[in-house]
Amino acid sequence: MGGIQRMKKILSIGIILFFLNLTMLPIINGD
């Protein structure tokens, strides 16, 4: 079961980074 927990953590971190990129990139490009 430990592998599933690790996958969930990696998935959640990946999603957070993805949304951070979506919000940060337009701000950087807007300058």
PDB file of N, CA and C in Angstrom:
ATOM      1  N   MET A   1       0.830  -1.216   0.000  1.00  0.00           N
ATOM      2  CA  MET A   1       0.000   0.000   0.000  1.00  0.00           C
ATOM      3  C   MET A   1       0.859   1.258   0.000  1.00  0.00           C
ATOM      4  N   GLY A   2       2.118   1.119   0.390  1.00  0.00           N
ATOM      5  CA  GLY A   2       2.973   2.309   0.454  1.00  0.00           C
ATOM      6  C   GLY A   2       3.185   2.939  -0.920  1.00  0.00           C
ATOM      7  N   GLY A   3       3.232   2.089  -1.949  1.00  0.00           N
ATOM      8  CA  GLY A   3       3.451   2.610  -3.301  1.00  0.00           C
ATOM      9  C   GLY A   3       2.304   3.505  -3.761  1.00  0.00           C
ATOM     10  N   ILE A   4       1.078   3.117  -3.376  1.00  0.00           N
ATOM     11  CA  ILE A   4      -0.089   3.912  -3.773  1.00  0.00           C
ATOM     12  C   ILE A   4      -0.028   5.287  -3.118  1.00  0.00           C
ATOM     13  N   GLN A   5       0.344   5.325  -1.842  1.00  0.00           N
ATOM     14  CA  GLN A   5       0.447   6.601  -1.134  1.00  0.00           C
ATOM     15  C   GLN A   5       1.478   7.500  -1.803  1.00  0.00           C
ATOM     16  N   ARG A   6       2.600   6.894  -2.219  1.00  0.00           N
ATOM     17  CA  ARG A   6       3.658   7.666  -2.869  1.00  0.00           C
ATOM     18  C   ARG A   6       3.151   8.230  -4.197  1.00  0.00           C
ATOM     19  N   MET A   7       2.407   7.423  -4.939  1.00  0.00           N
ATOM     20  CA  MET A   7       1.872   7.874  -6.227  1.00  0.00           C
ATOM     21  C   MET A   7       0.895   9.030  -6.030  1.00  0.00           C
ATOM     22  N   LYS A   8       0.066   8.929  -4.984  1.00  0.00           N
ATOM     23  CA  LYS A   8      -0.895  10.000  -4.714  1.00  0.00           C
ATOM     24  C   LYS A   8      -0.160  11.293  -4.384  1.00  0.00           C
ATOM     25  N   LYS A   9       0.934  11.184  -3.607  1.00  0.00           N
ATOM     26  CA  LYS A   9       1.693  12.376  -3.221  1.00  0.00           C
ATOM     27  C   LYS A   9       2.337  13.008  -4.458  1.00  0.00           C
ATOM     28  N   ILE A  10       2.944  12.171  -5.301  1.00  0.00           N
ATOM     29  CA  ILE A  10       3.581  12.678  -6.519  1.00  0.00           C
ATOM     30  C   ILE A  10       2.537  13.321  -7.426  1.00  0.00           C
ATOM     31  N   LEU A  11       1.371  12.679  -7.524  1.00  0.00           N
ATOM     32  CA  LEU A  11       0.306  13.210  -8.376  1.00  0.00           C
ATOM     33  C   LEU A  11      -0.160  14.567  -7.876  1.00  0.00           C
ATOM     34  N   SER A  12      -0.370  14.694  -6.558  1.00  0.00           N
ATOM     35  CA  SER A  12      -0.858  15.956  -6.006  1.00  0.00           C
ATOM     36  C   SER A  12       0.183  17.055  -6.180  1.00  0.00           C
ATOM     37  N   ILE A  13       1.465  16.716  -5.981  1.00  0.00           N
ATOM     38  CA  ILE A  13       2.527  17.704  -6.165  1.00  0.00           C
ATOM     39  C   ILE A  13       2.582  18.135  -7.629  1.00  0.00           C
ATOM     40  N   GLY A  14       2.448  17.178  -8.537  1.00  0.00           N
ATOM     41  CA  GLY A  14       2.473  17.489  -9.968  1.00  0.00           C
ATOM     42  C   GLY A  14       1.330  18.415 -10.356  1.00  0.00           C
ATOM     43  N   ILE A  15       0.143  18.158  -9.812  1.00  0.00           N
ATOM     44  CA  ILE A  15      -1.021  18.993 -10.114  1.00  0.00           C
ATOM     45  C   ILE A  15      -0.807  20.407  -9.575  1.00  0.00           C
ATOM     46  N   ILE A  16      -0.263  20.513  -8.366  1.00  0.00           N
ATOM     47  CA  ILE A  16       0.000  21.834  -7.768  1.00  0.00           C
ATOM     48  C   ILE A  16       1.006  22.606  -8.628  1.00  0.00           C
ATOM     49  N   LEU A  17       2.088  21.932  -9.042  1.00  0.00           N
ATOM     50  CA  LEU A  17       3.086  22.594  -9.887  1.00  0.00           C
ATOM     51  C   LEU A  17       2.471  23.004 -11.210  1.00  0.00           C
ATOM     52  N   PHE A  18       1.603  22.166 -11.771  1.00  0.00           N
ATOM     53  CA  PHE A  18       0.951  22.465 -13.048  1.00  0.00           C
ATOM     54  C   PHE A  18       0.117  23.736 -12.932  1.00  0.00           C
ATOM     55  N   PHE A  19      -0.686  23.848 -11.864  1.00  0.00           N
ATOM     56  CA  PHE A  19      -1.532  25.023 -11.691  1.00  0.00           C
ATOM     57  C   PHE A  19      -0.690  26.261 -11.371  1.00  0.00           C
ATOM     58  N   LEU A  20       0.424  26.078 -10.637  1.00  0.00           N
ATOM     59  CA  LEU A  20       1.314  27.204 -10.372  1.00  0.00           C
ATOM     60  C   LEU A  20       1.870  27.742 -11.676  1.00  0.00           C
ATOM     61  N   ASN A  21       2.267  26.842 -12.589  1.00  0.00           N
ATOM     62  CA  ASN A  21       2.778  27.262 -13.892  1.00  0.00           C
ATOM     63  C   ASN A  21       1.703  28.012 -14.662  1.00  0.00           C
ATOM     64  N   LEU A  22       0.456  27.535 -14.613  1.00  0.00           N
ATOM     65  CA  LEU A  22      -0.633  28.188 -15.336  1.00  0.00           C
ATOM     66  C   LEU A  22      -0.850  29.603 -14.819  1.00  0.00           C
ATOM     67  N   THR A  23      -0.699  29.808 -13.508  1.00  0.00           N
ATOM     68  CA  THR A  23      -0.965  31.128 -12.940  1.00  0.00           C
ATOM     69  C   THR A  23       0.255  32.042 -13.056  1.00  0.00           C
ATOM     70  N   MET A  24       1.460  31.487 -12.970  1.00  0.00           N
ATOM     71  CA  MET A  24       2.668  32.308 -12.959  1.00  0.00           C
ATOM     72  C   MET A  24       3.092  32.732 -14.364  1.00  0.00           C
ATOM     73  N   LEU A  25       2.970  31.843 -15.343  1.00  0.00           N
ATOM     74  CA  LEU A  25       3.466  32.146 -16.688  1.00  0.00           C
ATOM     75  C   LEU A  25       2.820  33.395 -17.293  1.00  0.00           C
ATOM     76  N   PRO A  26       1.496  33.552 -17.248  1.00  0.00           N
ATOM     77  CA  PRO A  26       0.892  34.770 -17.821  1.00  0.00           C
ATOM     78  C   PRO A  26       1.402  36.040 -17.140  1.00  0.00           C
ATOM     79  N   ILE A  27       1.682  35.974 -15.840  1.00  0.00           N
ATOM     80  CA  ILE A  27       2.175  37.148 -15.113  1.00  0.00           C
ATOM     81  C   ILE A  27       3.577  37.502 -15.617  1.00  0.00           C
ATOM     82  N   ILE A  28       4.429  36.493 -15.780  1.00  0.00           N
ATOM     83  CA  ILE A  28       5.801  36.734 -16.251  1.00  0.00           C
ATOM     84  C   ILE A  28       5.769  37.243 -17.690  1.00  0.00           C
ATOM     85  N   ASN A  29       4.951  36.624 -18.533  1.00  0.00           N
ATOM     86  CA  ASN A  29       4.862  37.033 -19.933  1.00  0.00           C
ATOM     87  C   ASN A  29       4.189  38.398 -20.064  1.00  0.00           C
ATOM     88  N   GLY A  30       3.315  38.739 -19.110  1.00  0.00           N
ATOM     89  CA  GLY A  30       2.597  40.013 -19.153  1.00  0.00           C
ATOM     90  C   GLY A  30       3.533  41.199 -18.969  1.00  0.00           C
ATOM     91  N   ASP A  31       4.639  40.986 -18.226  1.00  0.00           N
ATOM     92  CA  ASP A  31       5.600  42.062 -18.051  1.00  0.00           C
ATOM     93  C   ASP A  31       6.180  42.367 -19.402  1.00  0.00           C
TER      94      ASP A  31
END
